[in-house]
Amino acid sequence: MRWYGKLLGFIAGALLFRPNPLFGAVVGLLLGHAFDSDWFRLNKENPYRELGLTSEATDAEVERAYRKLISQYHPDKLGGAAPELQQQAEQKSRRINAAYGRIKTLRKR
């Protein structure tokens, strides 16, 4: 749990709102909490979420999840299925491959 946004918000609010420092501190604390909780963060794609994992997953867990999902959603696996199901499976497998590639790139750094 992150706490530094709350602390900095509390101090900055108290110092910046001089007529009523307690009110400023509370507002700063709320803004700091919002930043700590990622309320203002852009909704970027999380490659771990696509594989059903967290960022603390080991390389073996990432590999296992990737292989399981790609075998489940591979378009060739749905040979005689309806075209819309094949298209959905193809899109899902593209997202899985992209997420796996991003994770591998992040882990190399």
N, C-alpha and C. Protein backbone atom coordinates (compact mmCIF):
# COMPACT_ATOMS: atom_id res chain seq x y z
N MET A 1 0.84 -1.18 0.00
CA MET A 1 0.00 0.00 0.00
C MET A 1 0.89 1.24 0.00
N ARG A 2 0.57 2.15 -0.87
CA ARG A 2 1.35 3.37 -0.96
C ARG A 2 0.78 4.41 0.00
N TRP A 3 1.64 5.19 0.59
CA TRP A 3 1.23 6.16 1.61
C TRP A 3 1.80 7.54 1.35
N TYR A 4 2.81 7.65 0.50
CA TYR A 4 3.51 8.91 0.35
C TYR A 4 2.64 10.00 -0.29
N GLY A 5 1.70 9.63 -1.14
CA GLY A 5 0.80 10.63 -1.73
C GLY A 5 -0.08 11.27 -0.68
N LYS A 6 -0.54 10.44 0.26
CA LYS A 6 -1.38 10.98 1.34
C LYS A 6 -0.58 11.94 2.22
N LEU A 7 0.64 11.56 2.54
CA LEU A 7 1.47 12.41 3.38
C LEU A 7 1.79 13.72 2.69
N LEU A 8 2.22 13.65 1.45
CA LEU A 8 2.55 14.87 0.71
C LEU A 8 1.31 15.74 0.50
N GLY A 9 0.18 15.11 0.21
CA GLY A 9 -1.06 15.87 0.05
C GLY A 9 -1.47 16.56 1.34
N PHE A 10 -1.33 15.87 2.45
CA PHE A 10 -1.67 16.45 3.76
C PHE A 10 -0.81 17.68 4.03
N ILE A 11 0.49 17.55 3.84
CA ILE A 11 1.40 18.65 4.13
C ILE A 11 1.17 19.81 3.15
N ALA A 12 1.09 19.50 1.87
CA ALA A 12 0.90 20.56 0.87
C ALA A 12 -0.43 21.26 1.06
N GLY A 13 -1.48 20.51 1.36
CA GLY A 13 -2.78 21.14 1.58
C GLY A 13 -2.77 22.06 2.77
N ALA A 14 -2.14 21.65 3.85
CA ALA A 14 -2.06 22.50 5.05
C ALA A 14 -1.25 23.76 4.78
N LEU A 15 -0.18 23.64 4.01
CA LEU A 15 0.66 24.81 3.74
C LEU A 15 0.06 25.74 2.70
N LEU A 16 -0.61 25.19 1.72
CA LEU A 16 -1.13 26.03 0.65
C LEU A 16 -2.45 26.71 1.00
N PHE A 17 -3.24 26.12 1.85
CA PHE A 17 -4.53 26.72 2.21
C PHE A 17 -4.39 27.36 3.58
N ARG A 18 -3.80 28.54 3.62
CA ARG A 18 -3.48 29.21 4.88
C ARG A 18 -4.68 29.68 5.69
N PRO A 19 -5.79 30.11 5.06
CA PRO A 19 -6.90 30.57 5.91
C PRO A 19 -7.44 29.47 6.84
N ASN A 20 -7.43 28.24 6.38
CA ASN A 20 -7.90 27.13 7.20
C ASN A 20 -7.02 25.92 6.91
N PRO A 21 -5.89 25.79 7.60
CA PRO A 21 -4.95 24.70 7.28
C PRO A 21 -5.53 23.30 7.50
N LEU A 22 -6.45 23.16 8.44
CA LEU A 22 -7.04 21.84 8.67
C LEU A 22 -7.87 21.40 7.47
N PHE A 23 -8.65 22.32 6.92
CA PHE A 23 -9.43 22.02 5.72
C PHE A 23 -8.51 21.68 4.55
N GLY A 24 -7.44 22.46 4.38
CA GLY A 24 -6.47 22.20 3.32
C GLY A 24 -5.81 20.84 3.49
N ALA A 25 -5.50 20.49 4.73
CA ALA A 25 -4.87 19.20 4.99
C ALA A 25 -5.79 18.05 4.63
N VAL A 26 -7.06 18.18 4.96
CA VAL A 26 -8.03 17.12 4.64
C VAL A 26 -8.21 16.99 3.13
N VAL A 27 -8.32 18.12 2.44
CA VAL A 27 -8.45 18.07 0.98
C VAL A 27 -7.19 17.47 0.36
N GLY A 28 -6.03 17.88 0.86
CA GLY A 28 -4.77 17.32 0.37
C GLY A 28 -4.68 15.84 0.64
N LEU A 29 -5.14 15.42 1.80
CA LEU A 29 -5.14 13.99 2.14
C LEU A 29 -6.04 13.21 1.18
N LEU A 30 -7.20 13.75 0.86
CA LEU A 30 -8.09 13.07 -0.09
C LEU A 30 -7.49 13.00 -1.48
N LEU A 31 -6.86 14.08 -1.93
CA LEU A 31 -6.20 14.06 -3.23
C LEU A 31 -5.02 13.10 -3.24
N GLY A 32 -4.27 13.07 -2.16
CA GLY A 32 -3.17 12.13 -2.06
C GLY A 32 -3.65 10.69 -2.10
N HIS A 33 -4.75 10.42 -1.45
CA HIS A 33 -5.34 9.08 -1.48
C HIS A 33 -5.77 8.72 -2.90
N ALA A 34 -6.35 9.68 -3.60
CA ALA A 34 -6.78 9.43 -4.98
C ALA A 34 -5.58 9.09 -5.86
N PHE A 35 -4.47 9.79 -5.69
CA PHE A 35 -3.29 9.48 -6.48
C PHE A 35 -2.68 8.13 -6.07
N ASP A 36 -2.67 7.85 -4.79
CA ASP A 36 -2.14 6.56 -4.33
C ASP A 36 -2.98 5.39 -4.84
N SER A 37 -4.27 5.61 -4.99
CA SER A 37 -5.17 4.55 -5.45
C SER A 37 -5.30 4.49 -6.96
N ASP A 38 -4.51 5.31 -7.67
CA ASP A 38 -4.50 5.33 -9.14
C ASP A 38 -5.83 5.73 -9.75
N TRP A 39 -6.54 6.64 -9.10
CA TRP A 39 -7.80 7.11 -9.66
C TRP A 39 -7.57 7.92 -10.92
N PHE A 40 -6.43 8.59 -11.02
CA PHE A 40 -6.16 9.47 -12.14
C PHE A 40 -5.27 8.81 -13.19
N ARG A 41 -5.01 7.56 -13.02
CA ARG A 41 -4.14 6.84 -13.94
C ARG A 41 -4.89 6.54 -15.22
N LEU A 42 -4.18 6.64 -16.33
CA LEU A 42 -4.78 6.30 -17.61
C LEU A 42 -5.04 4.80 -17.64
N ASN A 43 -6.10 4.42 -18.28
CA ASN A 43 -6.48 3.02 -18.33
C ASN A 43 -5.65 2.31 -19.40
N LYS A 44 -4.42 2.01 -19.07
CA LYS A 44 -3.55 1.28 -19.99
C LYS A 44 -3.83 -0.21 -19.87
N GLU A 45 -3.56 -0.88 -20.95
CA GLU A 45 -3.73 -2.32 -20.93
C GLU A 45 -2.70 -2.95 -20.00
N ASN A 46 -3.15 -3.84 -19.17
CA ASN A 46 -2.27 -4.56 -18.28
C ASN A 46 -2.06 -5.95 -18.87
N PRO A 47 -0.85 -6.25 -19.34
CA PRO A 47 -0.64 -7.56 -19.98
C PRO A 47 -0.85 -8.73 -19.03
N TYR A 48 -0.62 -8.52 -17.75
CA TYR A 48 -0.81 -9.61 -16.79
C TYR A 48 -2.30 -9.94 -16.64
N ARG A 49 -3.14 -8.92 -16.70
CA ARG A 49 -4.58 -9.15 -16.57
C ARG A 49 -5.11 -9.99 -17.73
N GLU A 50 -4.55 -9.78 -18.92
CA GLU A 50 -4.98 -10.56 -20.08
C GLU A 50 -4.70 -12.04 -19.89
N LEU A 51 -3.63 -12.36 -19.17
CA LEU A 51 -3.29 -13.76 -18.91
C LEU A 51 -3.89 -14.26 -17.60
N GLY A 52 -4.58 -13.40 -16.87
CA GLY A 52 -5.19 -13.80 -15.60
C GLY A 52 -4.19 -13.91 -14.47
N LEU A 53 -3.14 -13.10 -14.51
CA LEU A 53 -2.08 -13.15 -13.51
C LEU A 53 -1.89 -11.78 -12.86
N THR A 54 -1.04 -11.74 -11.85
CA THR A 54 -0.62 -10.47 -11.27
C THR A 54 0.82 -10.21 -11.67
N SER A 55 1.31 -9.02 -11.42
CA SER A 55 2.68 -8.68 -11.83
C SER A 55 3.72 -9.43 -11.00
N GLU A 56 3.32 -10.06 -9.91
CA GLU A 56 4.24 -10.82 -9.07
C GLU A 56 4.41 -12.25 -9.55
N ALA A 57 3.78 -12.63 -10.66
CA ALA A 57 3.85 -14.01 -11.15
C ALA A 57 5.27 -14.34 -11.61
N THR A 58 5.65 -15.57 -11.40
CA THR A 58 6.97 -16.02 -11.83
C THR A 58 6.97 -16.29 -13.33
N ASP A 59 8.16 -16.47 -13.89
CA ASP A 59 8.27 -16.76 -15.31
C ASP A 59 7.57 -18.07 -15.66
N ALA A 60 7.66 -19.04 -14.77
CA ALA A 60 7.01 -20.33 -15.02
C ALA A 60 5.49 -20.18 -15.02
N GLU A 61 4.96 -19.37 -14.12
CA GLU A 61 3.50 -19.15 -14.09
C GLU A 61 3.03 -18.41 -15.33
N VAL A 62 3.81 -17.45 -15.80
CA VAL A 62 3.46 -16.72 -17.01
C VAL A 62 3.44 -17.68 -18.19
N GLU A 63 4.46 -18.50 -18.29
CA GLU A 63 4.54 -19.47 -19.38
C GLU A 63 3.37 -20.46 -19.35
N ARG A 64 3.04 -20.95 -18.16
CA ARG A 64 1.93 -21.90 -17.99
C ARG A 64 0.60 -21.26 -18.39
N ALA A 65 0.36 -20.04 -17.93
CA ALA A 65 -0.89 -19.36 -18.25
C ALA A 65 -0.99 -19.08 -19.75
N TYR A 66 0.12 -18.66 -20.34
CA TYR A 66 0.13 -18.38 -21.79
C TYR A 66 -0.21 -19.65 -22.57
N ARG A 67 0.47 -20.73 -22.26
CA ARG A 67 0.24 -21.98 -23.00
C ARG A 67 -1.19 -22.49 -22.84
N LYS A 68 -1.72 -22.34 -21.65
CA LYS A 68 -3.10 -22.79 -21.39
C LYS A 68 -4.09 -21.97 -22.21
N LEU A 69 -3.93 -20.64 -22.16
CA LEU A 69 -4.88 -19.78 -22.86
C LEU A 69 -4.74 -19.87 -24.38
N ILE A 70 -3.51 -19.94 -24.86
CA ILE A 70 -3.34 -19.99 -26.32
C ILE A 70 -3.86 -21.31 -26.88
N SER A 71 -3.74 -22.39 -26.10
CA SER A 71 -4.30 -23.66 -26.59
C SER A 71 -5.83 -23.64 -26.54
N GLN A 72 -6.38 -22.88 -25.62
CA GLN A 72 -7.83 -22.80 -25.50
C GLN A 72 -8.44 -21.90 -26.58
N TYR A 73 -7.77 -20.80 -26.93
CA TYR A 73 -8.35 -19.82 -27.85
C TYR A 73 -7.71 -19.81 -29.23
N HIS A 74 -6.89 -20.79 -29.55
CA HIS A 74 -6.25 -20.79 -30.87
C HIS A 74 -7.33 -21.00 -31.93
N PRO A 75 -7.33 -20.19 -33.00
CA PRO A 75 -8.38 -20.29 -34.02
C PRO A 75 -8.43 -21.64 -34.73
N ASP A 76 -7.30 -22.31 -34.87
CA ASP A 76 -7.29 -23.62 -35.54
C ASP A 76 -8.01 -24.68 -34.71
N LYS A 77 -8.14 -24.45 -33.43
CA LYS A 77 -8.80 -25.41 -32.54
C LYS A 77 -10.32 -25.44 -32.79
N LEU A 78 -10.86 -24.34 -33.33
CA LEU A 78 -12.30 -24.24 -33.59
C LEU A 78 -12.58 -24.46 -35.07
N GLY A 79 -12.07 -25.50 -35.64
CA GLY A 79 -12.16 -25.74 -37.07
C GLY A 79 -13.54 -25.58 -37.68
N GLY A 80 -14.56 -26.25 -37.17
CA GLY A 80 -15.88 -26.21 -37.78
C GLY A 80 -16.85 -25.27 -37.10
N ALA A 81 -16.36 -24.37 -36.29
CA ALA A 81 -17.24 -23.46 -35.56
C ALA A 81 -17.73 -22.34 -36.47
N ALA A 82 -18.70 -21.61 -35.97
CA ALA A 82 -19.26 -20.49 -36.72
C ALA A 82 -18.18 -19.44 -36.97
N PRO A 83 -18.29 -18.71 -38.08
CA PRO A 83 -17.26 -17.71 -38.41
C PRO A 83 -17.08 -16.64 -37.34
N GLU A 84 -18.16 -16.24 -36.70
CA GLU A 84 -18.02 -15.19 -35.66
C GLU A 84 -17.26 -15.73 -34.44
N LEU A 85 -17.44 -17.02 -34.12
CA LEU A 85 -16.67 -17.61 -33.03
C LEU A 85 -15.20 -17.72 -33.39
N GLN A 86 -14.91 -18.05 -34.63
CA GLN A 86 -13.52 -18.12 -35.07
C GLN A 86 -12.87 -16.74 -35.03
N GLN A 87 -13.63 -15.72 -35.41
CA GLN A 87 -13.10 -14.36 -35.39
C GLN A 87 -12.83 -13.90 -33.96
N GLN A 88 -13.74 -14.22 -33.04
CA GLN A 88 -13.53 -13.86 -31.64
C GLN A 88 -12.30 -14.59 -31.07
N ALA A 89 -12.15 -15.85 -31.42
CA ALA A 89 -11.00 -16.62 -30.94
C ALA A 89 -9.71 -16.05 -31.51
N GLU A 90 -9.75 -15.62 -32.76
CA GLU A 90 -8.56 -15.04 -33.38
C GLU A 90 -8.18 -13.73 -32.68
N GLN A 91 -9.16 -12.90 -32.37
CA GLN A 91 -8.88 -11.64 -31.67
C GLN A 91 -8.33 -11.90 -30.27
N LYS A 92 -8.93 -12.87 -29.59
CA LYS A 92 -8.46 -13.20 -28.24
C LYS A 92 -7.04 -13.74 -28.28
N SER A 93 -6.74 -14.60 -29.25
CA SER A 93 -5.39 -15.14 -29.35
C SER A 93 -4.38 -14.05 -29.70
N ARG A 94 -4.78 -13.06 -30.48
CA ARG A 94 -3.89 -11.92 -30.77
C ARG A 94 -3.59 -11.14 -29.49
N ARG A 95 -4.62 -10.90 -28.69
CA ARG A 95 -4.42 -10.17 -27.43
C ARG A 95 -3.53 -10.97 -26.48
N ILE A 96 -3.72 -12.29 -26.44
CA ILE A 96 -2.89 -13.14 -25.58
C ILE A 96 -1.44 -13.09 -26.03
N ASN A 97 -1.22 -13.21 -27.33
CA ASN A 97 0.15 -13.17 -27.86
C ASN A 97 0.80 -11.80 -27.59
N ALA A 98 0.03 -10.73 -27.77
CA ALA A 98 0.57 -9.39 -27.53
C ALA A 98 0.92 -9.21 -26.06
N ALA A 99 0.06 -9.69 -25.17
CA ALA A 99 0.32 -9.57 -23.73
C ALA A 99 1.55 -10.38 -23.34
N TYR A 100 1.68 -11.56 -23.88
CA TYR A 100 2.84 -12.40 -23.58
C TYR A 100 4.12 -11.74 -24.09
N GLY A 101 4.07 -11.16 -25.26
CA GLY A 101 5.22 -10.46 -25.80
C GLY A 101 5.61 -9.25 -24.96
N ARG A 102 4.61 -8.49 -24.48
CA ARG A 102 4.90 -7.33 -23.62
C ARG A 102 5.51 -7.77 -22.30
N ILE A 103 5.00 -8.86 -21.73
CA ILE A 103 5.55 -9.36 -20.47
C ILE A 103 7.00 -9.79 -20.67
N LYS A 104 7.26 -10.51 -21.75
CA LYS A 104 8.64 -10.96 -22.02
C LYS A 104 9.57 -9.76 -22.20
N THR A 105 9.09 -8.72 -22.89
CA THR A 105 9.91 -7.51 -23.07
C THR A 105 10.16 -6.82 -21.75
N LEU A 106 9.13 -6.73 -20.91
CA LEU A 106 9.29 -6.08 -19.60
C LEU A 106 10.25 -6.86 -18.72
N ARG A 107 10.21 -8.16 -18.80
CA ARG A 107 11.06 -8.99 -17.94
C ARG A 107 12.51 -8.99 -18.39
N LYS A 108 12.78 -8.66 -19.64
CA LYS A 108 14.16 -8.61 -20.12
C LYS A 108 14.89 -7.39 -19.57
N ARG A 109 14.15 -6.33 -19.29
CA ARG A 109 14.76 -5.08 -18.83
C ARG A 109 15.35 -5.20 -17.47
